[in-house]
């Protein structure tokens, strides 16, 4: 199947009155994309594929521009569906809700999609992307929850633990035939 670089989008500008699916990047988040691009420049990436959410597309566009790579998007790379989820002013409350969802992936705990369904959707998309051209090395720009679910199934690290330590942005290089080593790089 080959190798891929999985990227969590960069730092977002929180807008409590706007769905998180529409959030954009902070100025620092844009700067971090430059550092991310420099960090992954030697990994042989051949193209960028992002979710259709704005913050992932912006992250991907900045990386693609810096590395001079083609870019496309795929809806199935999106975050767990939670458009109706209200903004949590207390991060501890949000973390507790997400933790419960990770612990009960076959139930709708948060939003409109079971975490197990999000993982199945995301995994099928990655499989399709990797079967397009076995020689390509895509950078797949996505979101923290769905990426944690995916990486967890490839390695032995619990998804919630990954989610807690995953920065904005972060990346992991994965050999899809051998699995994932558990190395996650947070870009500051």
N, C-alpha and C. Protein backbone atom coordinates (compact mmCIF):
# COMPACT_ATOMS: atom_id res chain seq x y z
N UNK A 1 0.81 -1.21 0.00
CA UNK A 1 0.00 0.00 0.00
C UNK A 1 0.84 1.26 0.00
N UNK A 2 2.01 1.25 0.57
CA UNK A 2 2.86 2.41 0.51
C UNK A 2 2.90 3.23 1.79
N UNK A 3 3.35 4.45 1.61
CA UNK A 3 3.59 5.34 2.74
C UNK A 3 2.76 6.60 2.55
N UNK A 4 2.33 7.17 3.68
CA UNK A 4 1.58 8.43 3.66
C UNK A 4 1.99 9.26 4.87
N UNK A 5 1.82 10.56 4.74
CA UNK A 5 2.07 11.48 5.84
C UNK A 5 0.70 12.03 6.24
N UNK A 6 0.32 11.80 7.49
CA UNK A 6 -0.97 12.27 7.99
C UNK A 6 -0.74 13.54 8.79
N UNK A 7 -1.52 14.57 8.48
CA UNK A 7 -1.33 15.89 9.08
C UNK A 7 -2.63 16.33 9.75
N UNK A 8 -2.51 16.77 10.98
CA UNK A 8 -3.64 17.46 11.62
C UNK A 8 -3.50 18.94 11.27
N UNK A 9 -4.60 19.57 10.92
CA UNK A 9 -4.61 20.98 10.53
C UNK A 9 -3.92 21.85 11.58
N UNK A 10 -3.57 23.03 11.16
CA UNK A 10 -2.85 23.96 12.03
C UNK A 10 -3.81 24.67 13.00
N UNK A 11 -3.22 25.52 13.83
CA UNK A 11 -3.94 26.21 14.90
C UNK A 11 -5.10 27.05 14.35
N UNK A 12 -6.26 26.88 14.97
CA UNK A 12 -7.47 27.53 14.49
C UNK A 12 -7.84 28.78 15.28
N UNK A 13 -8.52 29.66 14.59
CA UNK A 13 -9.10 30.85 15.21
C UNK A 13 -10.48 30.44 15.70
N UNK A 14 -10.64 30.40 17.01
CA UNK A 14 -11.90 29.96 17.61
C UNK A 14 -12.93 31.09 17.50
N UNK A 15 -14.06 30.75 16.92
CA UNK A 15 -15.17 31.69 16.78
C UNK A 15 -16.40 31.01 17.38
N UNK A 16 -16.70 31.27 18.67
CA UNK A 16 -17.76 30.57 19.37
C UNK A 16 -19.12 30.59 18.68
N UNK A 17 -19.43 31.63 17.93
CA UNK A 17 -20.74 31.73 17.28
C UNK A 17 -20.79 31.04 15.92
N UNK A 18 -19.67 30.44 15.50
CA UNK A 18 -19.57 29.81 14.18
C UNK A 18 -19.24 28.33 14.37
N UNK A 19 -19.83 27.48 13.54
CA UNK A 19 -19.52 26.05 13.59
C UNK A 19 -18.02 25.84 13.43
N UNK A 20 -17.45 24.94 14.20
CA UNK A 20 -16.01 24.68 14.12
C UNK A 20 -15.60 24.20 12.74
N UNK A 21 -16.52 23.67 11.97
CA UNK A 21 -16.22 23.23 10.61
C UNK A 21 -15.87 24.41 9.70
N UNK A 22 -16.23 25.61 10.12
CA UNK A 22 -15.99 26.81 9.31
C UNK A 22 -14.85 27.66 9.85
N UNK A 23 -14.22 27.24 10.94
CA UNK A 23 -13.14 28.03 11.52
C UNK A 23 -11.96 28.13 10.54
N UNK A 24 -11.20 29.18 10.69
CA UNK A 24 -10.04 29.42 9.86
C UNK A 24 -8.77 29.27 10.71
N UNK A 25 -7.64 29.69 10.20
CA UNK A 25 -6.38 29.59 10.93
C UNK A 25 -6.02 30.93 11.56
N UNK A 26 -5.32 30.86 12.68
CA UNK A 26 -4.76 32.07 13.29
C UNK A 26 -3.52 32.47 12.49
N UNK A 27 -3.01 33.65 12.75
CA UNK A 27 -1.75 34.06 12.12
C UNK A 27 -0.63 33.11 12.53
N UNK A 28 -0.60 32.73 13.81
CA UNK A 28 0.40 31.76 14.27
C UNK A 28 0.20 30.42 13.57
N UNK A 29 -1.04 30.03 13.35
CA UNK A 29 -1.33 28.79 12.64
C UNK A 29 -0.77 28.80 11.23
N UNK A 30 -0.88 29.94 10.57
CA UNK A 30 -0.30 30.08 9.22
C UNK A 30 1.23 29.96 9.28
N UNK A 31 1.83 30.60 10.28
CA UNK A 31 3.28 30.50 10.44
C UNK A 31 3.70 29.05 10.70
N UNK A 32 2.92 28.36 11.51
CA UNK A 32 3.24 26.96 11.79
C UNK A 32 3.16 26.09 10.54
N UNK A 33 2.31 26.45 9.60
CA UNK A 33 2.24 25.70 8.34
C UNK A 33 3.57 25.79 7.58
N UNK A 34 4.21 26.95 7.66
CA UNK A 34 5.52 27.11 7.04
C UNK A 34 6.53 26.17 7.69
N UNK A 35 6.51 26.11 9.03
CA UNK A 35 7.44 25.22 9.74
C UNK A 35 7.09 23.75 9.47
N UNK A 36 5.81 23.45 9.37
CA UNK A 36 5.39 22.09 9.04
C UNK A 36 5.90 21.69 7.66
N UNK A 37 5.71 22.57 6.69
CA UNK A 37 6.19 22.28 5.32
C UNK A 37 7.69 22.02 5.32
N UNK A 38 8.45 22.82 6.07
CA UNK A 38 9.89 22.61 6.15
C UNK A 38 10.20 21.25 6.79
N UNK A 39 9.42 20.88 7.81
CA UNK A 39 9.65 19.61 8.50
C UNK A 39 9.36 18.38 7.67
N UNK A 40 8.41 18.48 6.74
CA UNK A 40 8.04 17.31 5.92
C UNK A 40 8.65 17.35 4.53
N UNK A 41 9.44 18.38 4.23
CA UNK A 41 9.95 18.57 2.87
C UNK A 41 10.82 17.42 2.38
N UNK A 42 11.48 16.70 3.25
CA UNK A 42 12.35 15.60 2.82
C UNK A 42 11.68 14.23 2.84
N UNK A 43 10.36 14.19 2.99
CA UNK A 43 9.66 12.91 3.12
C UNK A 43 9.15 12.33 1.79
N UNK A 44 9.44 13.02 0.70
CA UNK A 44 9.04 12.50 -0.61
C UNK A 44 7.55 12.65 -0.93
N UNK A 45 6.90 13.60 -0.29
CA UNK A 45 5.48 13.82 -0.54
C UNK A 45 5.28 14.22 -2.00
N UNK A 46 4.28 13.61 -2.64
CA UNK A 46 4.02 13.88 -4.05
C UNK A 46 2.74 14.67 -4.30
N UNK A 47 1.85 14.72 -3.32
CA UNK A 47 0.61 15.48 -3.46
C UNK A 47 0.00 15.70 -2.08
N UNK A 48 -0.89 16.67 -2.02
CA UNK A 48 -1.61 17.00 -0.80
C UNK A 48 -3.09 16.70 -1.03
N UNK A 49 -3.71 16.01 -0.06
CA UNK A 49 -5.15 15.77 -0.11
C UNK A 49 -5.72 16.21 1.23
N UNK A 50 -6.72 17.08 1.20
CA UNK A 50 -7.29 17.62 2.43
C UNK A 50 -8.75 17.23 2.59
N UNK A 51 -9.24 17.39 3.79
CA UNK A 51 -10.68 17.32 4.00
C UNK A 51 -11.27 18.57 3.35
N UNK A 52 -12.57 18.66 3.30
CA UNK A 52 -13.20 19.83 2.70
C UNK A 52 -13.46 20.94 3.70
N UNK A 53 -13.05 20.74 4.94
CA UNK A 53 -13.23 21.79 5.94
C UNK A 53 -12.17 22.88 5.76
N UNK A 54 -12.59 24.10 6.00
CA UNK A 54 -11.77 25.27 5.70
C UNK A 54 -10.38 25.21 6.34
N UNK A 55 -10.30 24.88 7.62
CA UNK A 55 -9.00 24.90 8.31
C UNK A 55 -8.04 23.86 7.74
N UNK A 56 -8.55 22.72 7.32
CA UNK A 56 -7.70 21.70 6.70
C UNK A 56 -7.28 22.13 5.30
N UNK A 57 -8.21 22.73 4.56
CA UNK A 57 -7.86 23.19 3.22
C UNK A 57 -6.80 24.29 3.27
N UNK A 58 -6.93 25.23 4.21
CA UNK A 58 -5.93 26.28 4.34
C UNK A 58 -4.57 25.71 4.70
N UNK A 59 -4.56 24.76 5.64
CA UNK A 59 -3.30 24.11 6.01
C UNK A 59 -2.68 23.44 4.79
N UNK A 60 -3.48 22.68 4.07
CA UNK A 60 -2.99 22.00 2.87
C UNK A 60 -2.50 22.95 1.80
N UNK A 61 -3.23 24.05 1.59
CA UNK A 61 -2.83 25.03 0.58
C UNK A 61 -1.48 25.65 0.90
N UNK A 62 -1.27 25.97 2.17
CA UNK A 62 0.00 26.57 2.55
C UNK A 62 1.17 25.59 2.39
N UNK A 63 0.94 24.33 2.72
CA UNK A 63 1.98 23.30 2.53
C UNK A 63 2.24 23.10 1.05
N UNK A 64 1.15 22.97 0.27
CA UNK A 64 1.28 22.74 -1.18
C UNK A 64 2.03 23.88 -1.86
N UNK A 65 1.72 25.10 -1.45
CA UNK A 65 2.40 26.26 -2.04
C UNK A 65 3.89 26.22 -1.74
N UNK A 66 4.22 25.96 -0.49
CA UNK A 66 5.64 25.92 -0.08
C UNK A 66 6.40 24.79 -0.77
N UNK A 67 5.77 23.61 -0.90
CA UNK A 67 6.45 22.45 -1.49
C UNK A 67 6.20 22.30 -2.99
N UNK A 68 5.38 23.21 -3.54
CA UNK A 68 5.05 23.19 -4.98
C UNK A 68 4.45 21.84 -5.38
N UNK A 69 3.37 21.48 -4.69
CA UNK A 69 2.71 20.20 -4.94
C UNK A 69 1.26 20.40 -5.34
N UNK A 70 0.71 19.45 -6.11
CA UNK A 70 -0.72 19.52 -6.43
C UNK A 70 -1.55 19.25 -5.18
N UNK A 71 -2.76 19.81 -5.17
CA UNK A 71 -3.64 19.66 -4.01
C UNK A 71 -5.05 19.32 -4.48
N UNK A 72 -5.71 18.48 -3.70
CA UNK A 72 -7.11 18.13 -3.95
C UNK A 72 -7.78 17.93 -2.60
N UNK A 73 -9.08 17.67 -2.62
CA UNK A 73 -9.79 17.43 -1.36
C UNK A 73 -10.71 16.24 -1.50
N UNK A 74 -11.10 15.70 -0.35
CA UNK A 74 -12.03 14.56 -0.29
C UNK A 74 -12.91 14.74 0.94
N UNK A 75 -14.21 14.73 0.74
CA UNK A 75 -15.15 14.93 1.84
C UNK A 75 -14.98 13.89 2.94
N UNK A 76 -14.64 12.66 2.58
CA UNK A 76 -14.55 11.57 3.55
C UNK A 76 -13.39 11.74 4.53
N UNK A 77 -12.51 12.70 4.29
CA UNK A 77 -11.40 12.96 5.21
C UNK A 77 -11.79 13.93 6.32
N UNK A 78 -13.06 14.34 6.35
CA UNK A 78 -13.53 15.31 7.32
C UNK A 78 -13.56 14.77 8.74
N UNK A 79 -13.68 15.70 9.67
CA UNK A 79 -13.77 15.38 11.09
C UNK A 79 -15.06 14.61 11.38
N UNK A 80 -15.13 14.02 12.55
CA UNK A 80 -16.38 13.38 12.95
C UNK A 80 -17.49 14.43 12.81
N UNK A 81 -18.63 14.02 12.31
CA UNK A 81 -19.70 14.98 12.03
C UNK A 81 -20.32 15.47 13.34
N UNK A 82 -20.21 16.77 13.53
CA UNK A 82 -20.77 17.37 14.75
C UNK A 82 -21.13 18.84 14.52
N UNK A 83 -21.84 19.08 13.44
CA UNK A 83 -22.24 20.44 13.09
C UNK A 83 -23.16 21.06 14.14
N UNK A 84 -23.94 20.25 14.83
CA UNK A 84 -24.89 20.78 15.81
C UNK A 84 -24.28 20.91 17.21
N UNK A 85 -23.03 20.53 17.36
CA UNK A 85 -22.38 20.60 18.67
C UNK A 85 -22.16 22.06 19.06
N UNK A 86 -22.63 22.47 20.22
CA UNK A 86 -22.40 23.85 20.64
C UNK A 86 -20.94 24.06 21.03
N UNK A 87 -20.55 25.32 21.10
CA UNK A 87 -19.21 25.66 21.55
C UNK A 87 -19.11 25.43 23.06
N UNK A 88 -18.02 24.82 23.48
CA UNK A 88 -17.78 24.57 24.91
C UNK A 88 -16.80 25.64 25.40
N UNK A 89 -17.26 26.51 26.27
CA UNK A 89 -16.38 27.56 26.78
C UNK A 89 -15.35 27.01 27.77
N UNK A 90 -15.64 25.86 28.35
CA UNK A 90 -14.69 25.21 29.26
C UNK A 90 -14.07 24.01 28.54
N UNK A 91 -12.77 24.06 28.32
CA UNK A 91 -12.12 22.98 27.59
C UNK A 91 -12.21 21.65 28.34
N UNK A 92 -12.25 21.68 29.67
CA UNK A 92 -12.35 20.44 30.44
C UNK A 92 -13.66 19.72 30.12
N UNK A 93 -14.72 20.46 29.95
CA UNK A 93 -16.02 19.86 29.60
C UNK A 93 -15.97 19.24 28.20
N UNK A 94 -15.39 19.96 27.25
CA UNK A 94 -15.25 19.44 25.89
C UNK A 94 -14.41 18.17 25.89
N UNK A 95 -13.29 18.18 26.61
CA UNK A 95 -12.41 17.00 26.67
C UNK A 95 -13.15 15.80 27.25
N UNK A 96 -13.97 16.03 28.27
CA UNK A 96 -14.73 14.94 28.88
C UNK A 96 -15.73 14.34 27.89
N UNK A 97 -16.38 15.18 27.12
CA UNK A 97 -17.34 14.70 26.12
C UNK A 97 -16.62 13.88 25.04
N UNK A 98 -15.50 14.39 24.56
CA UNK A 98 -14.74 13.67 23.53
C UNK A 98 -14.21 12.35 24.09
N UNK A 99 -13.75 12.36 25.32
CA UNK A 99 -13.26 11.12 25.94
C UNK A 99 -14.38 10.07 25.98
N UNK A 100 -15.58 10.47 26.37
CA UNK A 100 -16.72 9.54 26.39
C UNK A 100 -17.00 8.98 25.00
N UNK A 101 -16.88 9.82 23.99
CA UNK A 101 -17.12 9.36 22.61
C UNK A 101 -16.05 8.35 22.18
N UNK A 102 -14.81 8.57 22.55
CA UNK A 102 -13.76 7.60 22.24
C UNK A 102 -14.02 6.27 22.96
N UNK A 103 -14.55 6.35 24.16
CA UNK A 103 -14.81 5.14 24.95
C UNK A 103 -16.03 4.37 24.46
N UNK A 104 -16.92 5.03 23.74
CA UNK A 104 -18.14 4.39 23.23
C UNK A 104 -18.27 4.68 21.73
N UNK A 105 -17.34 4.17 20.92
CA UNK A 105 -17.32 4.55 19.50
C UNK A 105 -18.53 4.09 18.70
N UNK A 106 -19.28 3.11 19.20
CA UNK A 106 -20.44 2.62 18.47
C UNK A 106 -21.73 3.33 18.86
N UNK A 107 -21.61 4.39 19.65
CA UNK A 107 -22.77 5.19 20.05
C UNK A 107 -22.55 6.63 19.59
N UNK A 108 -23.64 7.32 19.34
CA UNK A 108 -23.52 8.75 19.05
C UNK A 108 -23.49 9.46 20.39
N UNK A 109 -22.30 9.89 20.77
CA UNK A 109 -22.11 10.58 22.04
C UNK A 109 -22.02 12.08 21.79
N UNK A 110 -21.43 12.45 20.69
CA UNK A 110 -21.21 13.85 20.36
C UNK A 110 -21.49 14.04 18.86
N UNK A 111 -22.29 15.03 18.53
CA UNK A 111 -22.56 15.31 17.13
C UNK A 111 -23.56 14.37 16.50
N UNK A 112 -23.34 14.11 15.20
CA UNK A 112 -24.30 13.34 14.42
C UNK A 112 -23.74 12.03 13.86
N UNK A 113 -22.55 11.64 14.29
CA UNK A 113 -21.91 10.46 13.70
C UNK A 113 -21.20 9.66 14.78
N UNK A 114 -21.39 8.35 14.73
CA UNK A 114 -20.64 7.49 15.65
C UNK A 114 -19.17 7.54 15.26
N UNK A 115 -18.29 7.49 16.24
CA UNK A 115 -16.87 7.51 15.95
C UNK A 115 -16.47 6.30 15.10
N UNK A 116 -17.11 5.16 15.31
CA UNK A 116 -16.79 3.98 14.49
C UNK A 116 -17.15 4.21 13.03
N UNK A 117 -18.23 4.93 12.76
CA UNK A 117 -18.61 5.24 11.38
C UNK A 117 -17.63 6.23 10.75
N UNK A 118 -17.19 7.21 11.54
CA UNK A 118 -16.20 8.17 11.05
C UNK A 118 -14.90 7.46 10.69
N UNK A 119 -14.48 6.53 11.52
CA UNK A 119 -13.27 5.76 11.25
C UNK A 119 -13.42 4.93 9.98
N UNK A 120 -14.56 4.28 9.80
CA UNK A 120 -14.78 3.47 8.60
C UNK A 120 -14.75 4.35 7.34
N UNK A 121 -15.40 5.49 7.39
CA UNK A 121 -15.42 6.43 6.27
C UNK A 121 -14.01 6.89 5.92
N UNK A 122 -13.28 7.30 6.95
CA UNK A 122 -11.92 7.82 6.77
C UNK A 122 -11.00 6.71 6.23
N UNK A 123 -11.06 5.53 6.82
CA UNK A 123 -10.20 4.42 6.39
C UNK A 123 -10.45 4.03 4.95
N UNK A 124 -11.71 3.99 4.54
CA UNK A 124 -12.05 3.65 3.15
C UNK A 124 -11.48 4.69 2.19
N UNK A 125 -11.53 5.95 2.58
CA UNK A 125 -10.98 7.01 1.74
C UNK A 125 -9.47 6.87 1.61
N UNK A 126 -8.79 6.61 2.72
CA UNK A 126 -7.34 6.43 2.68
C UNK A 126 -7.00 5.23 1.78
N UNK A 127 -7.73 4.14 1.91
CA UNK A 127 -7.49 2.97 1.05
C UNK A 127 -7.64 3.34 -0.42
N UNK A 128 -8.68 4.10 -0.75
CA UNK A 128 -8.89 4.54 -2.13
C UNK A 128 -7.74 5.42 -2.61
N UNK A 129 -7.33 6.37 -1.78
CA UNK A 129 -6.23 7.27 -2.15
C UNK A 129 -4.94 6.50 -2.39
N UNK A 130 -4.69 5.50 -1.54
CA UNK A 130 -3.44 4.75 -1.64
C UNK A 130 -3.46 3.78 -2.82
N UNK A 131 -4.62 3.40 -3.28
CA UNK A 131 -4.69 2.48 -4.43
C UNK A 131 -4.60 3.22 -5.76
N UNK A 132 -4.74 4.56 -5.74
CA UNK A 132 -4.66 5.35 -6.97
C UNK A 132 -3.32 5.16 -7.68
N UNK A 133 -2.24 5.29 -6.96
CA UNK A 133 -0.90 5.14 -7.51
C UNK A 133 0.02 4.73 -6.37
N UNK A 134 0.43 3.45 -6.35
CA UNK A 134 1.24 2.94 -5.25
C UNK A 134 2.57 3.69 -5.05
N UNK A 135 3.06 4.38 -6.07
CA UNK A 135 4.32 5.10 -5.95
C UNK A 135 4.20 6.47 -5.32
N UNK A 136 2.99 6.95 -5.18
CA UNK A 136 2.80 8.27 -4.61
C UNK A 136 2.88 8.25 -3.09
N UNK A 137 3.27 9.38 -2.53
CA UNK A 137 3.29 9.57 -1.08
C UNK A 137 2.42 10.79 -0.78
N UNK A 138 1.15 10.59 -0.46
CA UNK A 138 0.31 11.74 -0.18
C UNK A 138 0.50 12.26 1.23
N UNK A 139 0.31 13.55 1.38
CA UNK A 139 0.14 14.15 2.70
C UNK A 139 -1.36 14.34 2.83
N UNK A 140 -1.95 13.70 3.83
CA UNK A 140 -3.39 13.73 4.04
C UNK A 140 -3.66 14.67 5.21
N UNK A 141 -4.29 15.81 4.91
CA UNK A 141 -4.53 16.85 5.91
C UNK A 141 -5.96 16.70 6.43
N UNK A 142 -6.06 16.48 7.73
CA UNK A 142 -7.35 16.15 8.32
C UNK A 142 -7.47 16.76 9.71
N UNK A 143 -8.16 16.07 10.61
CA UNK A 143 -8.56 16.62 11.90
C UNK A 143 -8.19 15.68 13.04
N UNK A 144 -8.11 16.25 14.24
CA UNK A 144 -7.60 15.53 15.39
C UNK A 144 -8.35 14.28 15.80
N UNK A 145 -9.67 14.34 15.86
CA UNK A 145 -10.43 13.19 16.35
C UNK A 145 -10.36 12.03 15.38
N UNK A 146 -10.67 12.28 14.12
CA UNK A 146 -10.69 11.20 13.14
C UNK A 146 -9.27 10.66 12.90
N UNK A 147 -8.28 11.53 12.94
CA UNK A 147 -6.91 11.07 12.78
C UNK A 147 -6.47 10.22 13.97
N UNK A 148 -6.87 10.59 15.16
CA UNK A 148 -6.55 9.78 16.35
C UNK A 148 -7.18 8.40 16.25
N UNK A 149 -8.41 8.34 15.80
CA UNK A 149 -9.07 7.04 15.61
C UNK A 149 -8.29 6.19 14.62
N UNK A 150 -7.89 6.80 13.51
CA UNK A 150 -7.19 6.05 12.47
C UNK A 150 -5.82 5.57 12.94
N UNK A 151 -5.03 6.46 13.51
CA UNK A 151 -3.70 6.06 13.96
C UNK A 151 -3.78 5.03 15.08
N UNK A 152 -4.77 5.13 15.92
CA UNK A 152 -4.94 4.17 17.01
C UNK A 152 -5.15 2.75 16.47
N UNK A 153 -5.90 2.63 15.39
CA UNK A 153 -6.13 1.30 14.83
C UNK A 153 -4.87 0.73 14.19
N UNK A 154 -3.92 1.59 13.85
CA UNK A 154 -2.67 1.12 13.24
C UNK A 154 -1.61 0.77 14.27
N UNK A 155 -1.75 1.31 15.47
CA UNK A 155 -0.76 1.08 16.52
C UNK A 155 -1.45 0.72 17.81
N UNK A 156 -0.70 0.71 18.86
CA UNK A 156 -1.25 0.27 20.14
C UNK A 156 -1.64 1.43 21.06
N UNK A 157 -1.52 2.65 20.58
CA UNK A 157 -1.82 3.80 21.41
C UNK A 157 -3.32 4.07 21.43
N UNK A 158 -3.92 4.22 22.60
CA UNK A 158 -5.36 4.54 22.66
C UNK A 158 -5.67 5.87 21.97
N UNK A 159 -6.80 5.92 21.29
CA UNK A 159 -7.17 7.09 20.49
C UNK A 159 -7.25 8.36 21.33
N UNK A 160 -7.85 8.28 22.51
CA UNK A 160 -7.97 9.49 23.33
C UNK A 160 -6.60 10.01 23.74
N UNK A 161 -5.69 9.13 24.06
CA UNK A 161 -4.34 9.53 24.42
C UNK A 161 -3.65 10.26 23.27
N UNK A 162 -3.84 9.75 22.05
CA UNK A 162 -3.29 10.42 20.87
C UNK A 162 -3.90 11.81 20.71
N UNK A 163 -5.22 11.85 20.83
CA UNK A 163 -5.94 13.12 20.65
C UNK A 163 -5.45 14.16 21.65
N UNK A 164 -5.23 13.75 22.89
CA UNK A 164 -4.77 14.68 23.93
C UNK A 164 -3.40 15.28 23.63
N UNK A 165 -2.53 14.50 23.04
CA UNK A 165 -1.16 14.99 22.83
C UNK A 165 -0.91 15.52 21.41
N UNK A 166 -1.93 15.50 20.56
CA UNK A 166 -1.76 15.94 19.18
C UNK A 166 -1.91 17.46 19.09
N UNK A 167 -0.85 18.11 18.62
CA UNK A 167 -0.87 19.56 18.49
C UNK A 167 -1.53 20.03 17.20
N UNK A 168 -1.52 21.34 17.03
CA UNK A 168 -2.06 21.96 15.82
C UNK A 168 -0.97 22.82 15.21
N UNK A 169 -0.30 22.37 14.19
CA UNK A 169 -0.45 21.11 13.49
C UNK A 169 0.43 20.02 14.09
N UNK A 170 0.20 18.84 13.59
CA UNK A 170 1.03 17.68 13.94
C UNK A 170 1.05 16.77 12.72
N UNK A 171 2.06 15.90 12.67
CA UNK A 171 2.08 14.94 11.57
C UNK A 171 2.67 13.61 12.02
N UNK A 172 2.29 12.58 11.28
CA UNK A 172 2.79 11.22 11.52
C UNK A 172 3.06 10.59 10.16
N UNK A 173 4.21 9.95 10.02
CA UNK A 173 4.55 9.22 8.81
C UNK A 173 4.16 7.77 9.04
N UNK A 174 3.39 7.22 8.10
CA UNK A 174 2.87 5.87 8.27
C UNK A 174 3.23 5.02 7.06
N UNK A 175 3.83 3.88 7.32
CA UNK A 175 4.01 2.84 6.30
C UNK A 175 2.78 1.96 6.44
N UNK A 176 1.89 2.02 5.48
CA UNK A 176 0.59 1.37 5.61
C UNK A 176 0.66 -0.15 5.52
N UNK A 177 1.80 -0.69 5.14
CA UNK A 177 1.96 -2.15 5.15
C UNK A 177 2.51 -2.63 6.48
N UNK A 178 3.34 -1.82 7.11
CA UNK A 178 3.97 -2.22 8.37
C UNK A 178 3.29 -1.65 9.60
N UNK A 179 2.46 -0.64 9.40
CA UNK A 179 1.81 -0.01 10.54
C UNK A 179 2.46 1.30 10.91
N UNK A 180 2.16 1.77 12.08
CA UNK A 180 2.64 3.06 12.55
C UNK A 180 3.50 2.86 13.77
N UNK A 181 4.61 3.58 13.83
CA UNK A 181 5.58 3.43 14.93
C UNK A 181 5.11 4.11 16.21
N UNK A 182 4.13 4.97 16.12
CA UNK A 182 3.68 5.70 17.30
C UNK A 182 4.30 7.08 17.41
N UNK A 183 5.17 7.44 16.47
CA UNK A 183 5.83 8.75 16.51
C UNK A 183 4.90 9.80 15.94
N UNK A 184 4.64 10.80 16.75
CA UNK A 184 3.80 11.93 16.37
C UNK A 184 4.64 13.20 16.54
N UNK A 185 4.72 14.03 15.51
CA UNK A 185 5.51 15.24 15.57
C UNK A 185 4.57 16.44 15.67
N UNK A 186 4.65 17.16 16.80
CA UNK A 186 3.90 18.39 16.96
C UNK A 186 4.76 19.55 16.48
N UNK A 187 4.20 20.42 15.67
CA UNK A 187 4.93 21.57 15.13
C UNK A 187 4.55 22.80 15.94
N UNK A 188 5.53 23.39 16.55
CA UNK A 188 5.31 24.60 17.38
C UNK A 188 5.70 25.83 16.64
